[in-house]
C-alpha atoms as a PDB file:
ATOM      1  CA  UNK A   1      91.478 -44.757 -13.454  1.00  0.00           C
ATOM      2  CA  UNK A   2      90.214 -41.702 -11.579  1.00  0.00           C
ATOM      3  CA  UNK A   3      88.890 -39.802 -14.577  1.00  0.00           C
ATOM      4  CA  UNK A   4      86.583 -36.884 -13.973  1.00  0.00           C
ATOM      5  CA  UNK A   5      83.450 -38.462 -15.438  1.00  0.00           C
ATOM      6  CA  UNK A   6      83.994 -41.648 -13.418  1.00  0.00           C
ATOM      7  CA  UNK A   7      84.449 -39.600 -10.242  1.00  0.00           C
ATOM      8  CA  UNK A   8      81.176 -37.817 -10.970  1.00  0.00           C
ATOM      9  CA  UNK A   9      79.397 -41.147 -11.422  1.00  0.00           C
ATOM     10  CA  UNK A  10      80.894 -42.545  -8.215  1.00  0.00           C
ATOM     11  CA  UNK A  11      79.870 -39.412  -6.331  1.00  0.00           C
ATOM     12  CA  UNK A  12      76.299 -39.936  -7.547  1.00  0.00           C
ATOM     13  CA  UNK A  13      76.360 -43.527  -6.269  1.00  0.00           C
ATOM     14  CA  UNK A  14      77.826 -42.367  -2.977  1.00  0.00           C
ATOM     15  CA  UNK A  15      75.046 -39.804  -2.589  1.00  0.00           C
ATOM     16  CA  UNK A  16      72.285 -42.420  -2.763  1.00  0.00           C
ATOM     17  CA  UNK A  17      74.135 -45.551  -1.565  1.00  0.00           C
ATOM     18  CA  UNK A  18      77.110 -44.404   0.529  1.00  0.00           C
ATOM     19  CA  UNK A  19      77.782 -47.924   1.796  1.00  0.00           C
ATOM     20  CA  UNK A  20      78.560 -49.067  -1.769  1.00  0.00           C
ATOM     21  CA  UNK A  21      81.377 -46.548  -2.352  1.00  0.00           C
ATOM     22  CA  UNK A  22      84.261 -46.879   0.116  1.00  0.00           C
ATOM     23  CA  UNK A  23      86.917 -44.797  -1.618  1.00  0.00           C
ATOM     24  CA  UNK A  24      87.511 -41.129  -0.853  1.00  0.00           C
ATOM     25  CA  UNK A  25      86.432 -38.731  -3.576  1.00  0.00           C
ATOM     26  CA  UNK A  26      87.714 -35.170  -4.034  1.00  0.00           C
ATOM     27  CA  UNK A  27      85.527 -32.420  -2.615  1.00  0.00           C
ATOM     28  CA  UNK A  28      85.528 -30.333  -5.781  1.00  0.00           C
ATOM     29  CA  UNK A  29      84.804 -31.882  -9.149  1.00  0.00           C
ATOM     30  CA  UNK A  30      83.034 -31.041 -12.370  1.00  0.00           C
ATOM     31  CA  UNK A  31      79.245 -31.502 -12.261  1.00  0.00           C
ATOM     32  CA  UNK A  32      77.995 -33.988 -14.839  1.00  0.00           C
ATOM     33  CA  UNK A  33      74.536 -34.764 -13.425  1.00  0.00           C
ATOM     34  CA  UNK A  34      71.994 -32.048 -12.808  1.00  0.00           C
ATOM     35  CA  UNK A  35      70.022 -32.477  -9.591  1.00  0.00           C
ATOM     36  CA  UNK A  36      66.433 -32.915 -10.787  1.00  0.00           C
ATOM     37  CA  UNK A  37      65.067 -33.054  -7.227  1.00  0.00           C
ATOM     38  CA  UNK A  38      65.885 -29.412  -6.501  1.00  0.00           C
ATOM     39  CA  UNK A  39      62.407 -27.992  -7.220  1.00  0.00           C
ATOM     40  CA  UNK A  40      60.638 -30.687  -5.203  1.00  0.00           C
ATOM     41  CA  UNK A  41      63.000 -30.289  -2.240  1.00  0.00           C
ATOM     42  CA  UNK A  42      62.422 -26.529  -2.207  1.00  0.00           C
ATOM     43  CA  UNK A  43      58.647 -26.971  -2.263  1.00  0.00           C
ATOM     44  CA  UNK A  44      58.698 -29.652   0.469  1.00  0.00           C
ATOM     45  CA  UNK A  45      60.934 -27.474   2.658  1.00  0.00           C
ATOM     46  CA  UNK A  46      58.585 -24.519   2.212  1.00  0.00           C
ATOM     47  CA  UNK A  47      55.545 -26.631   3.175  1.00  0.00           C
ATOM     48  CA  UNK A  48      57.305 -27.967   6.264  1.00  0.00           C
ATOM     49  CA  UNK A  49      58.285 -24.483   7.405  1.00  0.00           C
ATOM     50  CA  UNK A  50      54.799 -23.137   6.719  1.00  0.00           C
ATOM     51  CA  UNK A  51      53.249 -25.945   8.794  1.00  0.00           C
ATOM     52  CA  UNK A  52      55.583 -25.001  11.635  1.00  0.00           C
ATOM     53  CA  UNK A  53      54.243 -21.465  11.534  1.00  0.00           C
ATOM     54  CA  UNK A  54      57.167 -19.826   9.785  1.00  0.00           C
ATOM     55  CA  UNK A  55      56.742 -18.622   6.231  1.00  0.00           C
ATOM     56  CA  UNK A  56      59.871 -18.734   4.068  1.00  0.00           C
ATOM     57  CA  UNK A  57      60.768 -16.078   1.587  1.00  0.00           C
ATOM     58  CA  UNK A  58      59.236 -16.749  -1.810  1.00  0.00           C
ATOM     59  CA  UNK A  59      61.730 -18.328  -4.137  1.00  0.00           C
ATOM     60  CA  UNK A  60      61.491 -19.487  -7.724  1.00  0.00           C
ATOM     61  CA  UNK A  61      61.779 -23.197  -8.361  1.00  0.00           C
ATOM     62  CA  UNK A  62      60.705 -23.102 -11.981  1.00  0.00           C
ATOM     63  CA  UNK A  63      62.782 -26.126 -12.971  1.00  0.00           C
ATOM     64  CA  UNK A  64      65.823 -24.491 -11.431  1.00  0.00           C
ATOM     65  CA  UNK A  65      65.790 -21.549 -13.831  1.00  0.00           C
ATOM     66  CA  UNK A  66      66.044 -17.844 -13.143  1.00  0.00           C
ATOM     67  CA  UNK A  67      64.284 -16.020 -10.356  1.00  0.00           C
ATOM     68  CA  UNK A  68      60.823 -14.639 -11.228  1.00  0.00           C
ATOM     69  CA  UNK A  69      60.458 -10.927 -11.675  1.00  0.00           C
ATOM     70  CA  UNK A  70      58.827  -8.955  -8.889  1.00  0.00           C
ATOM     71  CA  UNK A  71      55.077  -8.565  -9.268  1.00  0.00           C
ATOM     72  CA  UNK A  72      55.551  -4.807  -8.932  1.00  0.00           C
ATOM     73  CA  UNK A  73      57.384  -4.843 -12.265  1.00  0.00           C
ATOM     74  CA  UNK A  74      54.752  -6.845 -14.099  1.00  0.00           C
ATOM     75  CA  UNK A  75      53.569  -4.701 -16.976  1.00  0.00           C
ATOM     76  CA  UNK A  76      50.132  -6.067 -17.774  1.00  0.00           C
ATOM     77  CA  UNK A  77      48.158  -7.281 -14.802  1.00  0.00           C
ATOM     78  CA  UNK A  78      44.647  -6.240 -15.804  1.00  0.00           C
ATOM     79  CA  UNK A  79      44.270  -7.558 -19.381  1.00  0.00           C
ATOM     80  CA  UNK A  80      42.547  -4.310 -20.339  1.00  0.00           C
ATOM     81  CA  UNK A  81      43.160  -2.500 -23.619  1.00  0.00           C
ATOM     82  CA  UNK A  82      45.212   0.614 -22.757  1.00  0.00           C
ATOM     83  CA  UNK A  83      44.790   4.033 -24.291  1.00  0.00           C
ATOM     84  CA  UNK A  84      46.568   4.430 -27.586  1.00  0.00           C
ATOM     85  CA  UNK A  85      50.213   5.470 -27.367  1.00  0.00           C
ATOM     86  CA  UNK A  86      50.440   6.353 -31.048  1.00  0.00           C
ATOM     87  CA  UNK A  87      52.456   9.355 -32.154  1.00  0.00           C
ATOM     88  CA  UNK A  88      50.008   9.974 -35.003  1.00  0.00           C
ATOM     89  CA  UNK A  89      47.180  12.491 -34.755  1.00  0.00           C
ATOM     90  CA  UNK A  90      44.079  11.372 -32.855  1.00  0.00           C
ATOM     91  CA  UNK A  91      40.730  11.240 -34.554  1.00  0.00           C
ATOM     92  CA  UNK A  92      38.537  14.264 -34.036  1.00  0.00           C
ATOM     93  CA  UNK A  93      35.200  14.033 -32.234  1.00  0.00           C
ATOM     94  CA  UNK A  94      33.117  13.734 -35.408  1.00  0.00           C
ATOM     95  CA  UNK A  95      35.239  10.873 -36.659  1.00  0.00           C
ATOM     96  CA  UNK A  96      35.083   9.085 -33.318  1.00  0.00           C
ATOM     97  CA  UNK A  97      31.299   9.048 -33.577  1.00  0.00           C
ATOM     98  CA  UNK A  98      31.414   7.355 -36.960  1.00  0.00           C
ATOM     99  CA  UNK A  99      31.649   3.573 -36.783  1.00  0.00           C
ATOM    100  CA  UNK A 100      32.702   3.264 -40.407  1.00  0.00           C
ATOM    101  CA  UNK A 101      35.367   5.938 -40.645  1.00  0.00           C
ATOM    102  CA  UNK A 102      38.183   4.906 -42.978  1.00  0.00           C
ATOM    103  CA  UNK A 103      41.678   5.943 -41.959  1.00  0.00           C
ATOM    104  CA  UNK A 104      43.996   7.604 -44.394  1.00  0.00           C
ATOM    105  CA  UNK A 105      47.200   5.691 -45.232  1.00  0.00           C
ATOM    106  CA  UNK A 106      49.194   7.823 -42.773  1.00  0.00           C
ATOM    107  CA  UNK A 107      46.866   7.354 -39.806  1.00  0.00           C
ATOM    108  CA  UNK A 108      46.283   4.488 -37.408  1.00  0.00           C
ATOM    109  CA  UNK A 109      42.980   3.471 -35.901  1.00  0.00           C
ATOM    110  CA  UNK A 110      43.256   3.415 -32.070  1.00  0.00           C
ATOM    111  CA  UNK A 111      42.406  -0.063 -30.918  1.00  0.00           C
ATOM    112  CA  UNK A 112      40.476   1.102 -27.847  1.00  0.00           C
ATOM    113  CA  UNK A 113      37.859   2.589 -30.202  1.00  0.00           C
ATOM    114  CA  UNK A 114      37.277  -0.747 -31.918  1.00  0.00           C
ATOM    115  CA  UNK A 115      33.775  -1.832 -30.916  1.00  0.00           C
ATOM    116  CA  UNK A 116      32.152  -3.754 -33.787  1.00  0.00           C
ATOM    117  CA  UNK A 117      33.109  -6.296 -36.421  1.00  0.00           C
ATOM    118  CA  UNK A 118      32.242  -3.923 -39.317  1.00  0.00           C
ATOM    119  CA  UNK A 119      34.647  -1.429 -37.747  1.00  0.00           C
ATOM    120  CA  UNK A 120      37.338  -4.087 -37.819  1.00  0.00           C
ATOM    121  CA  UNK A 121      36.714  -4.818 -41.501  1.00  0.00           C
ATOM    122  CA  UNK A 122      36.732  -1.149 -42.447  1.00  0.00           C
ATOM    123  CA  UNK A 123      39.970  -0.324 -40.610  1.00  0.00           C
ATOM    124  CA  UNK A 124      41.897  -3.585 -40.680  1.00  0.00           C
ATOM    125  CA  UNK A 125      44.573  -2.073 -42.943  1.00  0.00           C
ATOM    126  CA  UNK A 126      45.422   0.682 -40.429  1.00  0.00           C
ATOM    127  CA  UNK A 127      44.635  -0.899 -37.070  1.00  0.00           C
ATOM    128  CA  UNK A 128      47.011   0.091 -34.297  1.00  0.00           C
ATOM    129  CA  UNK A 129      47.769  -2.957 -32.158  1.00  0.00           C
ATOM    130  CA  UNK A 130      47.888  -2.401 -28.370  1.00  0.00           C
ATOM    131  CA  UNK A 131      51.194  -2.085 -26.567  1.00  0.00           C
ATOM    132  CA  UNK A 132      49.978  -4.510 -23.877  1.00  0.00           C
ATOM    133  CA  UNK A 133      49.588  -7.905 -25.517  1.00  0.00           C
ATOM    134  CA  UNK A 134      47.526  -9.403 -22.716  1.00  0.00           C
ATOM    135  CA  UNK A 135      44.540  -7.285 -23.718  1.00  0.00           C
ATOM    136  CA  UNK A 136      44.320  -9.291 -26.950  1.00  0.00           C
ATOM    137  CA  UNK A 137      43.256 -12.426 -25.058  1.00  0.00           C
ATOM    138  CA  UNK A 138      40.010 -10.871 -23.831  1.00  0.00           C
ATOM    139  CA  UNK A 139      39.042  -9.053 -27.031  1.00  0.00           C
ATOM    140  CA  UNK A 140      37.251 -11.156 -29.694  1.00  0.00           C
ATOM    141  CA  UNK A 141      37.807  -8.504 -32.385  1.00  0.00           C
ATOM    142  CA  UNK A 142      41.576  -8.526 -31.858  1.00  0.00           C
ATOM    143  CA  UNK A 143      41.552 -12.327 -31.895  1.00  0.00           C
ATOM    144  CA  UNK A 144      39.749 -12.117 -35.243  1.00  0.00           C
ATOM    145  CA  UNK A 145      42.468  -9.733 -36.374  1.00  0.00           C
ATOM    146  CA  UNK A 146      45.169 -12.231 -35.370  1.00  0.00           C
ATOM    147  CA  UNK A 147      43.422 -14.881 -37.465  1.00  0.00           C
ATOM    148  CA  UNK A 148      43.104 -12.613 -40.503  1.00  0.00           C
ATOM    149  CA  UNK A 149      46.519 -10.951 -40.423  1.00  0.00           C
ATOM    150  CA  UNK A 150      49.261 -13.565 -40.035  1.00  0.00           C
ATOM    151  CA  UNK A 151      51.844 -11.216 -38.575  1.00  0.00           C
ATOM    152  CA  UNK A 152      54.655 -13.187 -36.951  1.00  0.00           C
ATOM    153  CA  UNK A 153      55.630 -10.251 -34.732  1.00  0.00           C
ATOM    154  CA  UNK A 154      52.210 -10.363 -33.033  1.00  0.00           C
ATOM    155  CA  UNK A 155      52.614 -14.030 -32.138  1.00  0.00           C
ATOM    156  CA  UNK A 156      56.181 -13.460 -30.951  1.00  0.00           C
ATOM    157  CA  UNK A 157      55.119 -10.622 -28.673  1.00  0.00           C
ATOM    158  CA  UNK A 158      52.246 -12.685 -27.273  1.00  0.00           C
ATOM    159  CA  UNK A 159      54.518 -15.715 -26.846  1.00  0.00           C
ATOM    160  CA  UNK A 160      57.089 -13.713 -24.877  1.00  0.00           C
ATOM    161  CA  UNK A 161      54.516 -12.000 -22.663  1.00  0.00           C
ATOM    162  CA  UNK A 162      52.548 -15.176 -21.897  1.00  0.00           C
ATOM    163  CA  UNK A 163      55.700 -17.151 -21.202  1.00  0.00           C
ATOM    164  CA  UNK A 164      56.901 -14.574 -18.696  1.00  0.00           C
ATOM    165  CA  UNK A 165      53.597 -14.369 -16.878  1.00  0.00           C
ATOM    166  CA  UNK A 166      53.047 -18.131 -16.736  1.00  0.00           C
ATOM    167  CA  UNK A 167      56.519 -18.558 -15.260  1.00  0.00           C
ATOM    168  CA  UNK A 168      56.117 -15.768 -12.718  1.00  0.00           C
ATOM    169  CA  UNK A 169      52.716 -16.827 -11.396  1.00  0.00           C
ATOM    170  CA  UNK A 170      52.631 -20.621 -11.629  1.00  0.00           C
ATOM    171  CA  UNK A 171      51.240 -21.586  -8.225  1.00  0.00           C
ATOM    172  CA  UNK A 172      53.185 -24.833  -7.804  1.00  0.00           C
ATOM    173  CA  UNK A 173      56.468 -23.525  -9.233  1.00  0.00           C
ATOM    174  CA  UNK A 174      56.778 -20.397  -7.078  1.00  0.00           C
ATOM    175  CA  UNK A 175      56.947 -21.260  -3.404  1.00  0.00           C
ATOM    176  CA  UNK A 176      54.335 -19.748  -1.095  1.00  0.00           C
ATOM    177  CA  UNK A 177      52.446 -18.005  -3.920  1.00  0.00           C
ATOM    178  CA  UNK A 178      49.261 -16.404  -2.500  1.00  0.00           C
ATOM    179  CA  UNK A 179      47.749 -15.551  -5.893  1.00  0.00           C
ATOM    180  CA  UNK A 180      46.250 -18.898  -6.898  1.00  0.00           C
ATOM    181  CA  UNK A 181      42.860 -17.496  -7.908  1.00  0.00           C
ATOM    182  CA  UNK A 182      44.457 -14.838 -10.104  1.00  0.00           C
ATOM    183  CA  UNK A 183      46.582 -17.484 -11.786  1.00  0.00           C
ATOM    184  CA  UNK A 184      43.564 -19.746 -12.258  1.00  0.00           C
ATOM    185  CA  UNK A 185      41.671 -16.876 -13.889  1.00  0.00           C
ATOM    186  CA  UNK A 186      44.570 -16.208 -16.249  1.00  0.00           C
ATOM    187  CA  UNK A 187      44.736 -19.876 -17.296  1.00  0.00           C
ATOM    188  CA  UNK A 188      40.991 -19.814 -17.965  1.00  0.00           C
ATOM    189  CA  UNK A 189      41.404 -16.684 -20.115  1.00  0.00           C
ATOM    190  CA  UNK A 190      44.181 -18.331 -22.132  1.00  0.00           C
ATOM    191  CA  UNK A 191      42.070 -21.468 -22.602  1.00  0.00           C
ATOM    192  CA  UNK A 192      39.064 -19.477 -23.857  1.00  0.00           C
ATOM    193  CA  UNK A 193      41.298 -17.611 -26.305  1.00  0.00           C
ATOM    194  CA  UNK A 194      42.618 -20.939 -27.633  1.00  0.00           C
ATOM    195  CA  UNK A 195      39.066 -22.210 -28.087  1.00  0.00           C
ATOM    196  CA  UNK A 196      38.203 -19.028 -29.980  1.00  0.00           C
ATOM    197  CA  UNK A 197      41.227 -19.302 -32.270  1.00  0.00           C
ATOM    198  CA  UNK A 198      40.853 -23.090 -32.579  1.00  0.00           C
ATOM    199  CA  UNK A 199      44.579 -23.512 -31.960  1.00  0.00           C
ATOM    200  CA  UNK A 200      46.912 -23.641 -28.998  1.00  0.00           C
ATOM    201  CA  UNK A 201      49.486 -21.069 -27.970  1.00  0.00           C
ATOM    202  CA  UNK A 202      53.141 -22.089 -28.144  1.00  0.00           C
ATOM    203  CA  UNK A 203      53.766 -20.433 -24.761  1.00  0.00           C
ATOM    204  CA  UNK A 204      51.073 -22.587 -23.133  1.00  0.00           C
ATOM    205  CA  UNK A 205      52.514 -25.728 -24.711  1.00  0.00           C
ATOM    206  CA  UNK A 206      55.994 -24.931 -23.384  1.00  0.00           C
ATOM    207  CA  UNK A 207      54.543 -24.100 -19.967  1.00  0.00           C
ATOM    208  CA  UNK A 208      52.763 -27.469 -19.769  1.00  0.00           C
ATOM    209  CA  UNK A 209      55.880 -29.420 -20.733  1.00  0.00           C
ATOM    210  CA  UNK A 210      57.907 -27.672 -18.022  1.00  0.00           C
ATOM    211  CA  UNK A 211      55.388 -27.770 -15.180  1.00  0.00           C
ATOM    212  CA  UNK A 212      53.313 -30.956 -15.597  1.00  0.00           C
ATOM    213  CA  UNK A 213      56.153 -33.024 -14.022  1.00  0.00           C
ATOM    214  CA  UNK A 214      55.854 -30.813 -10.899  1.00  0.00           C
ATOM    215  CA  UNK A 215      52.038 -30.632 -10.875  1.00  0.00           C
ATOM    216  CA  UNK A 216      50.091 -32.320  -8.067  1.00  0.00           C
ATOM    217  CA  UNK A 217      46.987 -32.946 -10.209  1.00  0.00           C
ATOM    218  CA  UNK A 218      44.792 -30.822  -7.932  1.00  0.00           C
ATOM    219  CA  UNK A 219      45.713 -27.160  -8.348  1.00  0.00           C
ATOM    220  CA  UNK A 220      43.900 -25.538 -11.328  1.00  0.00           C
ATOM    221  CA  UNK A 221      42.965 -29.009 -12.579  1.00  0.00           C
ATOM    222  CA  UNK A 222      40.229 -28.097 -15.070  1.00  0.00           C
ATOM    223  CA  UNK A 223      42.247 -25.195 -16.494  1.00  0.00           C
ATOM    224  CA  UNK A 224      45.418 -27.271 -16.933  1.00  0.00           C
ATOM    225  CA  UNK A 225      43.576 -30.150 -18.594  1.00  0.00           C
ATOM    226  CA  UNK A 226      41.796 -27.649 -20.824  1.00  0.00           C
ATOM    227  CA  UNK A 227      45.152 -26.318 -22.030  1.00  0.00           C
ATOM    228  CA  UNK A 228      46.332 -29.896 -22.579  1.00  0.00           C
ATOM    229  CA  UNK A 229      43.486 -30.430 -25.057  1.00  0.00           C
ATOM    230  CA  UNK A 230      44.872 -27.651 -27.293  1.00  0.00           C
ATOM    231  CA  UNK A 231      48.498 -28.778 -27.572  1.00  0.00           C
ATOM    232  CA  UNK A 232      49.526 -28.340 -31.241  1.00  0.00           C
ATOM    233  CA  UNK A 233      49.745 -31.365 -33.489  1.00  0.00           C
ATOM    234  CA  UNK A 234      53.098 -33.164 -33.175  1.00  0.00           C
ATOM    235  CA  UNK A 235      54.489 -36.682 -33.009  1.00  0.00           C
ATOM    236  CA  UNK A 236      53.701 -38.880 -30.036  1.00  0.00           C
ATOM    237  CA  UNK A 237      57.369 -39.575 -29.315  1.00  0.00           C
ATOM    238  CA  UNK A 238      58.041 -35.842 -28.952  1.00  0.00           C
ATOM    239  CA  UNK A 239      55.449 -35.165 -26.264  1.00  0.00           C
ATOM    240  CA  UNK A 240      55.369 -38.531 -24.460  1.00  0.00           C
ATOM    241  CA  UNK A 241      58.226 -37.871 -21.988  1.00  0.00           C
ATOM    242  CA  UNK A 242      57.081 -34.309 -21.248  1.00  0.00           C
ATOM    243  CA  UNK A 243      53.335 -34.814 -20.990  1.00  0.00           C
ATOM    244  CA  UNK A 244      51.991 -38.349 -21.087  1.00  0.00           C
ATOM    245  CA  UNK A 245      54.507 -39.962 -18.739  1.00  0.00           C
ATOM    246  CA  UNK A 246      53.931 -37.423 -15.908  1.00  0.00           C
ATOM    247  CA  UNK A 247      50.168 -37.621 -16.468  1.00  0.00           C
ATOM    248  CA  UNK A 248      50.335 -41.415 -16.283  1.00  0.00           C
ATOM    249  CA  UNK A 249      51.990 -41.246 -12.850  1.00  0.00           C
ATOM    250  CA  UNK A 250      49.188 -38.990 -11.603  1.00  0.00           C
ATOM    251  CA  UNK A 251      46.557 -41.091 -13.377  1.00  0.00           C
ATOM    252  CA  UNK A 252      47.413 -44.359 -11.613  1.00  0.00           C
ATOM    253  CA  UNK A 253      47.573 -42.773  -8.142  1.00  0.00           C
ATOM    254  CA  UNK A 254      44.551 -40.459  -8.268  1.00  0.00           C
ATOM    255  CA  UNK A 255      40.805 -40.678  -7.847  1.00  0.00           C
ATOM    256  CA  UNK A 256      38.336 -41.933 -10.437  1.00  0.00           C
ATOM    257  CA  UNK A 257      37.236 -38.322 -11.021  1.00  0.00           C
ATOM    258  CA  UNK A 258      40.765 -37.332 -11.995  1.00  0.00           C
ATOM    259  CA  UNK A 259      41.045 -40.369 -14.278  1.00  0.00           C
ATOM    260  CA  UNK A 260      37.834 -39.388 -16.077  1.00  0.00           C
ATOM    261  CA  UNK A 261      39.011 -35.775 -16.354  1.00  0.00           C
ATOM    262  CA  UNK A 262      42.295 -36.845 -17.962  1.00  0.00           C
ATOM    263  CA  UNK A 263      40.533 -39.181 -20.415  1.00  0.00           C
ATOM    264  CA  UNK A 264      38.098 -36.407 -21.368  1.00  0.00           C
ATOM    265  CA  UNK A 265      40.977 -33.996 -21.949  1.00  0.00           C
ATOM    266  CA  UNK A 266      42.866 -36.485 -24.123  1.00  0.00           C
ATOM    267  CA  UNK A 267      39.701 -37.225 -26.095  1.00  0.00           C
ATOM    268  CA  UNK A 268      39.312 -33.508 -26.811  1.00  0.00           C
ATOM    269  CA  UNK A 269      43.007 -33.339 -27.742  1.00  0.00           C
ATOM    270  CA  UNK A 270      42.488 -36.115 -30.299  1.00  0.00           C
ATOM    271  CA  UNK A 271      39.402 -34.372 -31.700  1.00  0.00           C
ATOM    272  CA  UNK A 272      41.296 -31.098 -32.060  1.00  0.00           C
ATOM    273  CA  UNK A 273      44.167 -32.878 -33.788  1.00  0.00           C
ATOM    274  CA  UNK A 274      41.765 -34.580 -36.228  1.00  0.00           C
ATOM    275  CA  UNK A 275      39.985 -31.303 -36.978  1.00  0.00           C
ATOM    276  CA  UNK A 276      43.319 -29.613 -37.586  1.00  0.00           C
ATOM    277  CA  UNK A 277      44.432 -32.411 -39.902  1.00  0.00           C
ATOM    278  CA  UNK A 278      41.152 -32.317 -41.877  1.00  0.00           C
ATOM    279  CA  UNK A 279      41.503 -28.548 -42.260  1.00  0.00           C
ATOM    280  CA  UNK A 280      45.044 -28.958 -43.605  1.00  0.00           C
ATOM    281  CA  UNK A 281      43.880 -31.605 -46.075  1.00  0.00           C
ATOM    282  CA  UNK A 282      41.078 -29.296 -47.276  1.00  0.00           C
ATOM    283  CA  UNK A 283      43.609 -26.550 -47.921  1.00  0.00           C
ATOM    284  CA  UNK A 284      45.862 -28.935 -49.855  1.00  0.00           C
ATOM    285  CA  UNK A 285      42.941 -30.148 -51.991  1.00  0.00           C
ATOM    286  CA  UNK A 286      41.700 -26.634 -52.697  1.00  0.00           C
ATOM    287  CA  UNK A 287      45.159 -25.476 -53.768  1.00  0.00           C
END
């Protein structure tokens, strides 16, 4: 019978093999199959128009999700620690000159004044975290702080901010994006922060799973493969369809240099997983 799910299946057959479906199907029906070729078609159309000399309007094709926010609204482009926005009283000049000043319980230590590791140790109980989370990635002292103080809110803020920026600026997911070098620099910064922390960011892991299937294997190659090497420990079956299968397609159709780069990245991934597992076993034994 002409049930809705059968009509949807027949319409899919008719789309790819119209000669196989001779019956007439209704024009409007419920959508059961999401069109996975949408992002690729948008990118190919943009390249064709650009080669003809006409540049299309930038449009988001991030796996068919929402439109990216305008770059004018981006709140943290420079990755620089901003001036403190605390409502508490600022330190006076004499206290600012002292590297080992201890804050009182009711005061916060402005993070832009944090210069040395002893300063971090002395004021870790009253450190005022920056309002712009991106500045954490380029500050070793704040990365130390993240390691020492396991505050879930810090990781959530960083996860949200990184996820937004990766989505907005991904060169191969936003059509006609002229900011490839800026995006490459940001990926390099994230990779260095992961190396410092010896663990991967959840936002980077999610970004890789969403964009590797659309990646051409050329753009930001070293940065992308660097992030791959820090994917958190999980089961092979969980990450195979999102990571290894798309990489395998690129692997078998690319140059020997790309093949070696992928193997090197996966070797580092295995080493990081083993180190993480050994560390967990040490903690279990010590406890």
